[in-house]
Amino acid sequence: MITSIVLIKTSVDQIPEIAEKIAALDGVSEVYSVTGAHDLIAMVRVAAHDDLADVIPGRISKVPGVASTETHIAFRTYSQHDLEAAFAIGLEA
């Protein structure tokens, strides 16, 4: 699975509505409203690298009110959930 973090600038007066539209798109797993230089961060998870073009410029960028996007592709994922699963391997309760 390919994971991308998409930083999105939007029309400030429509952030909740735009976030809901983006969250409803296939391939988008979460959308966060954030502070800072960008208004939203979308997590995109797809099966193949080529699918990113369908989701990001093909769908997210076409949502009315989206002014620009900046995409970062994750090389590897580290999370507390992954660490707990790794330590639990071979252990039985």
PDB file of N, CA and C in Angstrom:
ATOM      1  N   MET A   1       0.832  -1.170   0.000  1.00  0.00           N
ATOM      2  CA  MET A   1       0.000   0.000   0.000  1.00  0.00           C
ATOM      3  C   MET A   1       0.879   1.236   0.000  1.00  0.00           C
ATOM      4  N   ILE A   2       0.513   2.214  -0.820  1.00  0.00           N
ATOM      5  CA  ILE A   2       1.227   3.480  -0.914  1.00  0.00           C
ATOM      6  C   ILE A   2       0.466   4.506  -0.069  1.00  0.00           C
ATOM      7  N   THR A   3       1.192   5.214   0.803  1.00  0.00           N
ATOM      8  CA  THR A   3       0.588   6.249   1.630  1.00  0.00           C
ATOM      9  C   THR A   3       1.170   7.591   1.240  1.00  0.00           C
ATOM     10  N   SER A   4       0.285   8.570   1.044  1.00  0.00           N
ATOM     11  CA  SER A   4       0.697   9.936   0.748  1.00  0.00           C
ATOM     12  C   SER A   4       0.048  10.889   1.723  1.00  0.00           C
ATOM     13  N   ILE A   5       0.791  11.925   2.064  1.00  0.00           N
ATOM     14  CA  ILE A   5       0.290  12.995   2.901  1.00  0.00           C
ATOM     15  C   ILE A   5       0.114  14.182   1.966  1.00  0.00           C
ATOM     16  N   VAL A   6      -1.113  14.688   1.875  1.00  0.00           N
ATOM     17  CA  VAL A   6      -1.404  15.781   0.950  1.00  0.00           C
ATOM     18  C   VAL A   6      -1.746  17.025   1.751  1.00  0.00           C
ATOM     19  N   LEU A   7      -0.909  18.057   1.608  1.00  0.00           N
ATOM     20  CA  LEU A   7      -1.136  19.344   2.261  1.00  0.00           C
ATOM     21  C   LEU A   7      -1.994  20.179   1.320  1.00  0.00           C
ATOM     22  N   ILE A   8      -3.080  20.738   1.837  1.00  0.00           N
ATOM     23  CA  ILE A   8      -4.064  21.390   0.983  1.00  0.00           C
ATOM     24  C   ILE A   8      -4.354  22.802   1.469  1.00  0.00           C
ATOM     25  N   LYS A   9      -4.332  23.757   0.516  1.00  0.00           N
ATOM     26  CA  LYS A   9      -4.773  25.121   0.793  1.00  0.00           C
ATOM     27  C   LYS A   9      -6.159  25.274   0.178  1.00  0.00           C
ATOM     28  N   THR A  10      -7.068  25.882   0.945  1.00  0.00           N
ATOM     29  CA  THR A  10      -8.462  25.987   0.508  1.00  0.00           C
ATOM     30  C   THR A  10      -8.996  27.397   0.717  1.00  0.00           C
ATOM     31  N   SER A  11     -10.237  27.578   0.307  1.00  0.00           N
ATOM     32  CA  SER A  11     -10.967  28.792   0.664  1.00  0.00           C
ATOM     33  C   SER A  11     -11.265  28.688   2.153  1.00  0.00           C
ATOM     34  N   VAL A  12     -10.753  29.621   2.931  1.00  0.00           N
ATOM     35  CA  VAL A  12     -10.831  29.543   4.390  1.00  0.00           C
ATOM     36  C   VAL A  12     -12.270  29.495   4.891  1.00  0.00           C
ATOM     37  N   ASP A  13     -13.172  30.152   4.210  1.00  0.00           N
ATOM     38  CA  ASP A  13     -14.553  30.194   4.674  1.00  0.00           C
ATOM     39  C   ASP A  13     -15.331  28.912   4.384  1.00  0.00           C
ATOM     40  N   GLN A  14     -14.673  27.930   3.716  1.00  0.00           N
ATOM     41  CA  GLN A  14     -15.342  26.680   3.358  1.00  0.00           C
ATOM     42  C   GLN A  14     -14.594  25.440   3.829  1.00  0.00           C
ATOM     43  N   ILE A  15     -13.701  25.585   4.781  1.00  0.00           N
ATOM     44  CA  ILE A  15     -12.862  24.458   5.209  1.00  0.00           C
ATOM     45  C   ILE A  15     -13.675  23.223   5.605  1.00  0.00           C
ATOM     46  N   PRO A  16     -14.690  23.320   6.463  1.00  0.00           N
ATOM     47  CA  PRO A  16     -15.420  22.100   6.841  1.00  0.00           C
ATOM     48  C   PRO A  16     -16.097  21.408   5.656  1.00  0.00           C
ATOM     49  N   GLU A  17     -16.703  22.192   4.777  1.00  0.00           N
ATOM     50  CA  GLU A  17     -17.396  21.614   3.623  1.00  0.00           C
ATOM     51  C   GLU A  17     -16.412  20.943   2.658  1.00  0.00           C
ATOM     52  N   ILE A  18     -15.289  21.587   2.421  1.00  0.00           N
ATOM     53  CA  ILE A  18     -14.269  21.027   1.531  1.00  0.00           C
ATOM     54  C   ILE A  18     -13.676  19.764   2.147  1.00  0.00           C
ATOM     55  N   ALA A  19     -13.409  19.796   3.456  1.00  0.00           N
ATOM     56  CA  ALA A  19     -12.853  18.627   4.143  1.00  0.00           C
ATOM     57  C   ALA A  19     -13.789  17.429   4.018  1.00  0.00           C
ATOM     58  N   GLU A  20     -15.089  17.657   4.172  1.00  0.00           N
ATOM     59  CA  GLU A  20     -16.059  16.565   4.054  1.00  0.00           C
ATOM     60  C   GLU A  20     -16.085  15.990   2.637  1.00  0.00           C
ATOM     61  N   LYS A  21     -16.009  16.848   1.638  1.00  0.00           N
ATOM     62  CA  LYS A  21     -16.002  16.370   0.248  1.00  0.00           C
ATOM     63  C   LYS A  21     -14.753  15.545  -0.040  1.00  0.00           C
ATOM     64  N   ILE A  22     -13.603  16.003   0.460  1.00  0.00           N
ATOM     65  CA  ILE A  22     -12.351  15.269   0.239  1.00  0.00           C
ATOM     66  C   ILE A  22     -12.384  13.942   0.988  1.00  0.00           C
ATOM     67  N   ALA A  23     -12.880  13.944   2.219  1.00  0.00           N
ATOM     68  CA  ALA A  23     -12.935  12.716   3.021  1.00  0.00           C
ATOM     69  C   ALA A  23     -13.812  11.651   2.369  1.00  0.00           C
ATOM     70  N   ALA A  24     -14.772  12.055   1.569  1.00  0.00           N
ATOM     71  CA  ALA A  24     -15.688  11.112   0.918  1.00  0.00           C
ATOM     72  C   ALA A  24     -15.091  10.488  -0.352  1.00  0.00           C
ATOM     73  N   LEU A  25     -13.938  10.963  -0.792  1.00  0.00           N
ATOM     74  CA  LEU A  25     -13.337  10.449  -2.027  1.00  0.00           C
ATOM     75  C   LEU A  25     -12.692   9.089  -1.808  1.00  0.00           C
ATOM     76  N   ASP A  26     -12.812   8.214  -2.796  1.00  0.00           N
ATOM     77  CA  ASP A  26     -12.125   6.918  -2.752  1.00  0.00           C
ATOM     78  C   ASP A  26     -10.621   7.147  -2.690  1.00  0.00           C
ATOM     79  N   GLY A  27      -9.959   6.432  -1.797  1.00  0.00           N
ATOM     80  CA  GLY A  27      -8.510   6.546  -1.637  1.00  0.00           C
ATOM     81  C   GLY A  27      -8.103   7.471  -0.512  1.00  0.00           C
ATOM     82  N   VAL A  28      -9.012   8.309  -0.040  1.00  0.00           N
ATOM     83  CA  VAL A  28      -8.716   9.225   1.068  1.00  0.00           C
ATOM     84  C   VAL A  28      -9.180   8.559   2.356  1.00  0.00           C
ATOM     85  N   SER A  29      -8.245   8.337   3.298  1.00  0.00           N
ATOM     86  CA  SER A  29      -8.604   7.659   4.535  1.00  0.00           C
ATOM     87  C   SER A  29      -8.961   8.622   5.663  1.00  0.00           C
ATOM     88  N   GLU A  30      -8.306   9.784   5.728  1.00  0.00           N
ATOM     89  CA  GLU A  30      -8.591  10.789   6.748  1.00  0.00           C
ATOM     90  C   GLU A  30      -8.312  12.166   6.176  1.00  0.00           C
ATOM     91  N   VAL A  31      -8.989  13.153   6.760  1.00  0.00           N
ATOM     92  CA  VAL A  31      -8.703  14.556   6.456  1.00  0.00           C
ATOM     93  C   VAL A  31      -8.657  15.298   7.787  1.00  0.00           C
ATOM     94  N   TYR A  32      -7.602  16.082   7.979  1.00  0.00           N
ATOM     95  CA  TYR A  32      -7.420  16.842   9.212  1.00  0.00           C
ATOM     96  C   TYR A  32      -7.459  18.335   8.904  1.00  0.00           C
ATOM     97  N   SER A  33      -8.195  19.085   9.691  1.00  0.00           N
ATOM     98  CA  SER A  33      -8.154  20.541   9.642  1.00  0.00           C
ATOM     99  C   SER A  33      -7.017  20.954  10.567  1.00  0.00           C
ATOM    100  N   VAL A  34      -6.083  21.769  10.058  1.00  0.00           N
ATOM    101  CA  VAL A  34      -4.872  22.077  10.820  1.00  0.00           C
ATOM    102  C   VAL A  34      -4.560  23.564  10.833  1.00  0.00           C
ATOM    103  N   THR A  35      -3.647  23.945  11.720  1.00  0.00           N
ATOM    104  CA  THR A  35      -3.147  25.309  11.745  1.00  0.00           C
ATOM    105  C   THR A  35      -1.882  25.375  10.908  1.00  0.00           C
ATOM    106  N   GLY A  36      -1.457  26.567  10.583  1.00  0.00           N
ATOM    107  CA  GLY A  36      -0.211  26.728   9.847  1.00  0.00           C
ATOM    108  C   GLY A  36      -0.438  27.179   8.417  1.00  0.00           C
ATOM    109  N   ALA A  37       0.533  26.904   7.573  1.00  0.00           N
ATOM    110  CA  ALA A  37       0.513  27.378   6.189  1.00  0.00           C
ATOM    111  C   ALA A  37      -0.546  26.691   5.336  1.00  0.00           C
ATOM    112  N   HIS A  38      -0.991  25.511   5.745  1.00  0.00           N
ATOM    113  CA  HIS A  38      -2.016  24.772   4.998  1.00  0.00           C
ATOM    114  C   HIS A  38      -3.281  24.674   5.836  1.00  0.00           C
ATOM    115  N   ASP A  39      -4.393  24.454   5.162  1.00  0.00           N
ATOM    116  CA  ASP A  39      -5.687  24.397   5.850  1.00  0.00           C
ATOM    117  C   ASP A  39      -6.106  22.979   6.203  1.00  0.00           C
ATOM    118  N   LEU A  40      -5.762  22.032   5.324  1.00  0.00           N
ATOM    119  CA  LEU A  40      -6.148  20.632   5.500  1.00  0.00           C
ATOM    120  C   LEU A  40      -4.970  19.721   5.211  1.00  0.00           C
ATOM    121  N   ILE A  41      -4.972  18.562   5.844  1.00  0.00           N
ATOM    122  CA  ILE A  41      -4.031  17.494   5.509  1.00  0.00           C
ATOM    123  C   ILE A  41      -4.870  16.250   5.239  1.00  0.00           C
ATOM    124  N   ALA A  42      -4.674  15.663   4.068  1.00  0.00           N
ATOM    125  CA  ALA A  42      -5.392  14.440   3.710  1.00  0.00           C
ATOM    126  C   ALA A  42      -4.407  13.282   3.658  1.00  0.00           C
ATOM    127  N   MET A  43      -4.823  12.161   4.221  1.00  0.00           N
ATOM    128  CA  MET A  43      -4.047  10.931   4.121  1.00  0.00           C
ATOM    129  C   MET A  43      -4.651  10.116   2.977  1.00  0.00           C
ATOM    130  N   VAL A  44      -3.809   9.806   2.004  1.00  0.00           N
ATOM    131  CA  VAL A  44      -4.260   9.043   0.837  1.00  0.00           C
ATOM    132  C   VAL A  44      -3.556   7.701   0.857  1.00  0.00           C
ATOM    133  N   ARG A  45      -4.335   6.635   0.772  1.00  0.00           N
ATOM    134  CA  ARG A  45      -3.780   5.281   0.771  1.00  0.00           C
ATOM    135  C   ARG A  45      -4.336   4.548  -0.438  1.00  0.00           C
ATOM    136  N   VAL A  46      -3.426   4.122  -1.312  1.00  0.00           N
ATOM    137  CA  VAL A  46      -3.813   3.434  -2.546  1.00  0.00           C
ATOM    138  C   VAL A  46      -2.957   2.196  -2.735  1.00  0.00           C
ATOM    139  N   ALA A  47      -3.411   1.305  -3.608  1.00  0.00           N
ATOM    140  CA  ALA A  47      -2.705   0.046  -3.837  1.00  0.00           C
ATOM    141  C   ALA A  47      -1.459   0.225  -4.690  1.00  0.00           C
ATOM    142  N   ALA A  48      -1.505   1.117  -5.653  1.00  0.00           N
ATOM    143  CA  ALA A  48      -0.381   1.267  -6.587  1.00  0.00           C
ATOM    144  C   ALA A  48      -0.011   2.738  -6.741  1.00  0.00           C
ATOM    145  N   HIS A  49       1.246   2.974  -7.052  1.00  0.00           N
ATOM    146  CA  HIS A  49       1.768   4.326  -7.223  1.00  0.00           C
ATOM    147  C   HIS A  49       0.960   5.108  -8.267  1.00  0.00           C
ATOM    148  N   ASP A  50       0.600   4.460  -9.359  1.00  0.00           N
ATOM    149  CA  ASP A  50      -0.158   5.129 -10.422  1.00  0.00           C
ATOM    150  C   ASP A  50      -1.524   5.612  -9.952  1.00  0.00           C
ATOM    151  N   ASP A  51      -2.076   4.978  -8.927  1.00  0.00           N
ATOM    152  CA  ASP A  51      -3.385   5.379  -8.409  1.00  0.00           C
ATOM    153  C   ASP A  51      -3.354   6.763  -7.757  1.00  0.00           C
ATOM    154  N   LEU A  52      -2.169   7.208  -7.342  1.00  0.00           N
ATOM    155  CA  LEU A  52      -2.059   8.533  -6.736  1.00  0.00           C
ATOM    156  C   LEU A  52      -2.514   9.618  -7.702  1.00  0.00           C
ATOM    157  N   ALA A  53      -2.210   9.467  -8.986  1.00  0.00           N
ATOM    158  CA  ALA A  53      -2.620  10.461  -9.977  1.00  0.00           C
ATOM    159  C   ALA A  53      -4.134  10.541 -10.092  1.00  0.00           C
ATOM    160  N   ASP A  54      -4.801   9.409  -9.945  1.00  0.00           N
ATOM    161  CA  ASP A  54      -6.265   9.415  -9.994  1.00  0.00           C
ATOM    162  C   ASP A  54      -6.855  10.144  -8.792  1.00  0.00           C
ATOM    163  N   VAL A  55      -6.257   9.943  -7.628  1.00  0.00           N
ATOM    164  CA  VAL A  55      -6.826  10.498  -6.395  1.00  0.00           C
ATOM    165  C   VAL A  55      -6.449  11.960  -6.190  1.00  0.00           C
ATOM    166  N   ILE A  56      -5.165  12.300  -6.318  1.00  0.00           N
ATOM    167  CA  ILE A  56      -4.730  13.644  -5.931  1.00  0.00           C
ATOM    168  C   ILE A  56      -5.049  14.684  -7.018  1.00  0.00           C
ATOM    169  N   PRO A  57      -4.382  14.669  -8.170  1.00  0.00           N
ATOM    170  CA  PRO A  57      -4.785  15.671  -9.168  1.00  0.00           C
ATOM    171  C   PRO A  57      -6.130  15.356  -9.821  1.00  0.00           C
ATOM    172  N   GLY A  58      -6.486  14.088  -9.859  1.00  0.00           N
ATOM    173  CA  GLY A  58      -7.720  13.688 -10.522  1.00  0.00           C
ATOM    174  C   GLY A  58      -8.984  13.943  -9.731  1.00  0.00           C
ATOM    175  N   ARG A  59      -8.900  13.913  -8.386  1.00  0.00           N
ATOM    176  CA  ARG A  59     -10.095  14.103  -7.559  1.00  0.00           C
ATOM    177  C   ARG A  59      -9.943  15.240  -6.548  1.00  0.00           C
ATOM    178  N   ILE A  60      -8.906  15.160  -5.704  1.00  0.00           N
ATOM    179  CA  ILE A  60      -8.749  16.171  -4.646  1.00  0.00           C
ATOM    180  C   ILE A  60      -8.615  17.573  -5.229  1.00  0.00           C
ATOM    181  N   SER A  61      -7.742  17.741  -6.205  1.00  0.00           N
ATOM    182  CA  SER A  61      -7.504  19.069  -6.775  1.00  0.00           C
ATOM    183  C   SER A  61      -8.718  19.634  -7.492  1.00  0.00           C
ATOM    184  N   LYS A  62      -9.658  18.767  -7.854  1.00  0.00           N
ATOM    185  CA  LYS A  62     -10.853  19.215  -8.579  1.00  0.00           C
ATOM    186  C   LYS A  62     -12.029  19.545  -7.661  1.00  0.00           C
ATOM    187  N   VAL A  63     -11.865  19.350  -6.364  1.00  0.00           N
ATOM    188  CA  VAL A  63     -12.922  19.723  -5.418  1.00  0.00           C
ATOM    189  C   VAL A  63     -13.008  21.249  -5.406  1.00  0.00           C
ATOM    190  N   PRO A  64     -14.204  21.801  -5.640  1.00  0.00           N
ATOM    191  CA  PRO A  64     -14.340  23.265  -5.610  1.00  0.00           C
ATOM    192  C   PRO A  64     -13.862  23.841  -4.279  1.00  0.00           C
ATOM    193  N   GLY A  65     -13.034  24.885  -4.355  1.00  0.00           N
ATOM    194  CA  GLY A  65     -12.491  25.521  -3.159  1.00  0.00           C
ATOM    195  C   GLY A  65     -11.069  25.114  -2.846  1.00  0.00           C
ATOM    196  N   VAL A  66     -10.571  24.033  -3.473  1.00  0.00           N
ATOM    197  CA  VAL A  66      -9.177  23.633  -3.275  1.00  0.00           C
ATOM    198  C   VAL A  66      -8.301  24.538  -4.139  1.00  0.00           C
ATOM    199  N   ALA A  67      -7.421  25.301  -3.495  1.00  0.00           N
ATOM    200  CA  ALA A  67      -6.560  26.245  -4.206  1.00  0.00           C
ATOM    201  C   ALA A  67      -5.259  25.599  -4.670  1.00  0.00           C
ATOM    202  N   SER A  68      -4.672  24.729  -3.816  1.00  0.00           N
ATOM    203  CA  SER A  68      -3.421  24.069  -4.189  1.00  0.00           C
ATOM    204  C   SER A  68      -3.188  22.865  -3.290  1.00  0.00           C
ATOM    205  N   THR A  69      -2.335  21.958  -3.777  1.00  0.00           N
ATOM    206  CA  THR A  69      -1.949  20.782  -2.988  1.00  0.00           C
ATOM    207  C   THR A  69      -0.441  20.619  -3.047  1.00  0.00           C
ATOM    208  N   GLU A  70       0.091  19.992  -2.015  1.00  0.00           N
ATOM    209  CA  GLU A  70       1.510  19.620  -1.953  1.00  0.00           C
ATOM    210  C   GLU A  70       1.542  18.193  -1.433  1.00  0.00           C
ATOM    211  N   THR A  71       2.134  17.283  -2.203  1.00  0.00           N
ATOM    212  CA  THR A  71       2.073  15.864  -1.874  1.00  0.00           C
ATOM    213  C   THR A  71       3.419  15.336  -1.385  1.00  0.00           C
ATOM    214  N   HIS A  72       3.364  14.552  -0.306  1.00  0.00           N
ATOM    215  CA  HIS A  72       4.537  13.872   0.236  1.00  0.00           C
ATOM    216  C   HIS A  72       4.226  12.380   0.256  1.00  0.00           C
ATOM    217  N   ILE A  73       5.086  11.580  -0.332  1.00  0.00           N
ATOM    218  CA  ILE A  73       4.889  10.127  -0.361  1.00  0.00           C
ATOM    219  C   ILE A  73       5.710   9.504   0.761  1.00  0.00           C
ATOM    220  N   ALA A  74       5.063   8.667   1.556  1.00  0.00           N
ATOM    221  CA  ALA A  74       5.723   8.027   2.691  1.00  0.00           C
ATOM    222  C   ALA A  74       6.583   6.858   2.212  1.00  0.00           C
ATOM    223  N   PHE A  75       7.817   6.774   2.703  1.00  0.00           N
ATOM    224  CA  PHE A  75       8.692   5.636   2.424  1.00  0.00           C
ATOM    225  C   PHE A  75       8.354   4.468   3.336  1.00  0.00           C
ATOM    226  N   ARG A  76       8.130   4.781   4.614  1.00  0.00           N
ATOM    227  CA  ARG A  76       7.918   3.763   5.633  1.00  0.00           C
ATOM    228  C   ARG A  76       7.014   4.350   6.714  1.00  0.00           C
ATOM    229  N   THR A  77       6.242   3.508   7.368  1.00  0.00           N
ATOM    230  CA  THR A  77       5.340   3.959   8.424  1.00  0.00           C
ATOM    231  C   THR A  77       5.832   3.451   9.772  1.00  0.00           C
ATOM    232  N   TYR A  78       5.861   4.353  10.728  1.00  0.00           N
ATOM    233  CA  TYR A  78       6.194   4.009  12.105  1.00  0.00           C
ATOM    234  C   TYR A  78       5.043   4.483  12.970  1.00  0.00           C
ATOM    235  N   SER A  79       4.517   3.613  13.811  1.00  0.00           N
ATOM    236  CA  SER A  79       3.434   4.026  14.696  1.00  0.00           C
ATOM    237  C   SER A  79       3.465   3.199  15.967  1.00  0.00           C
ATOM    238  N   GLN A  80       2.814   3.710  16.993  1.00  0.00           N
ATOM    239  CA  GLN A  80       2.733   2.994  18.256  1.00  0.00           C
ATOM    240  C   GLN A  80       2.037   1.653  18.058  1.00  0.00           C
ATOM    241  N   HIS A  81       1.008   1.630  17.207  1.00  0.00           N
ATOM    242  CA  HIS A  81       0.280   0.395  16.915  1.00  0.00           C
ATOM    243  C   HIS A  81       1.223  -0.652  16.335  1.00  0.00           C
ATOM    244  N   ASP A  82       2.093  -0.255  15.398  1.00  0.00           N
ATOM    245  CA  ASP A  82       3.042  -1.187  14.790  1.00  0.00           C
ATOM    246  C   ASP A  82       4.034  -1.719  15.822  1.00  0.00           C
ATOM    247  N   LEU A  83       4.493  -0.854  16.722  1.00  0.00           N
ATOM    248  CA  LEU A  83       5.452  -1.279  17.736  1.00  0.00           C
ATOM    249  C   LEU A  83       4.819  -2.285  18.699  1.00  0.00           C
ATOM    250  N   GLU A  84       3.586  -2.039  19.097  1.00  0.00           N
ATOM    251  CA  GLU A  84       2.896  -2.967  19.998  1.00  0.00           C
ATOM    252  C   GLU A  84       2.716  -4.323  19.335  1.00  0.00           C
ATOM    253  N   ALA A  85       2.378  -4.335  18.047  1.00  0.00           N
ATOM    254  CA  ALA A  85       2.194  -5.598  17.322  1.00  0.00           C
ATOM    255  C   ALA A  85       3.524  -6.348  17.220  1.00  0.00           C
ATOM    256  N   ALA A  86       4.612  -5.625  16.994  1.00  0.00           N
ATOM    257  CA  ALA A  86       5.919  -6.269  16.859  1.00  0.00           C
ATOM    258  C   ALA A  86       6.344  -6.924  18.171  1.00  0.00           C
ATOM    259  N   PHE A  87       6.105  -6.261  19.295  1.00  0.00           N
ATOM    260  CA  PHE A  87       6.486  -6.821  20.588  1.00  0.00           C
ATOM    261  C   PHE A  87       5.589  -7.976  20.998  1.00  0.00           C
ATOM    262  N   ALA A  88       4.398  -8.055  20.440  1.00  0.00           N
ATOM    263  CA  ALA A  88       3.454  -9.118  20.789  1.00  0.00           C
ATOM    264  C   ALA A  88       3.663 -10.391  19.991  1.00  0.00           C
ATOM    265  N   ILE A  89       4.527 -10.363  18.987  1.00  0.00           N
ATOM    266  CA  ILE A  89       4.755 -11.562  18.160  1.00  0.00           C
ATOM    267  C   ILE A  89       5.303 -12.679  19.029  1.00  0.00           C
ATOM    268  N   GLY A  90       4.674 -13.795  18.968  1.00  0.00           N
ATOM    269  CA  GLY A  90       5.120 -14.975  19.700  1.00  0.00           C
ATOM    270  C   GLY A  90       4.636 -15.041  21.129  1.00  0.00           C
ATOM    271  N   LEU A  91       3.990 -14.022  21.606  1.00  0.00           N
ATOM    272  CA  LEU A  91       3.482 -14.018  22.981  1.00  0.00           C
ATOM    273  C   LEU A  91       2.040 -14.462  22.987  1.00  0.00           C
ATOM    274  N   GLU A  92       1.692 -15.312  23.921  1.00  0.00           N
ATOM    275  CA  GLU A  92       0.307 -15.732  24.063  1.00  0.00           C
ATOM    276  C   GLU A  92      -0.157 -15.411  25.464  1.00  0.00           C
ATOM    277  N   ALA A  93      -1.372 -14.925  25.558  1.00  0.00           N
ATOM    278  CA  ALA A  93      -1.904 -14.542  26.873  1.00  0.00           C
ATOM    279  C   ALA A  93      -2.485 -15.746  27.573  1.00  0.00           C
TER     280      ALA A  93
END
